[in-house]
């Protein structure tokens, strides 16, 4: 008797479910948490230190001003040069009250690192600022600020906070600017071209997250 050729091996149900789960995860890979769409008259509050203020460039060349032109929304610039996270946390409630934003762009922490105030303090204050905004119904986008050093990369707590609150996070752009002398006005501040790159990256994140 001739042997019967074996047919295709049937895949077990658990394996099918596993592959389906992996496919779902793969389809969402690289997609940031989603935000509510910004209405044409929505206010965006850019909040932080000198990187938000635009030190090293003219006011109209700051990243909030350039972002407003890109996304066609009102972007309020609320940056205070030299500010540390403890000061920013104290200032944020009044800024939210004054501007009533739909979205907060939070970029803060660099002065804590420069003054060696400790990452634990910066982490606690950034987390408190995100929670404060979220509790008031304001969406948040977090922008990481690098630590001084060879890698020019943000501490891991920014990514952890973004994951905890399920908010979009821009991790790389400030480091990319600070690694390129053609994009800097000094060792720690962008020039107009550097701020343009920041604005473009933030705008792209807003598009990917569904805000615009």
Foldseek 3Di string as FASTA:
>chain_A
DDDDDDDDDDDDPVVVVVVVVVVVVVVCPPQAAADDAADLAFEEEEAEACLLCAPQEDNCLRLQNLLCVVPNYHYHRHYHHLDALVVRLVVVVVVCVVRVGQEYEDEYHANCLVVVVDVVVRLVSVLSSCVVCVVVNHAYEYEFAAHDDDQRWGDPSSVVSCVVVRHHYHTPLQSVQLVDPVQPSDNRYGHSVSSNSVSVVVVVSCVSNNHD
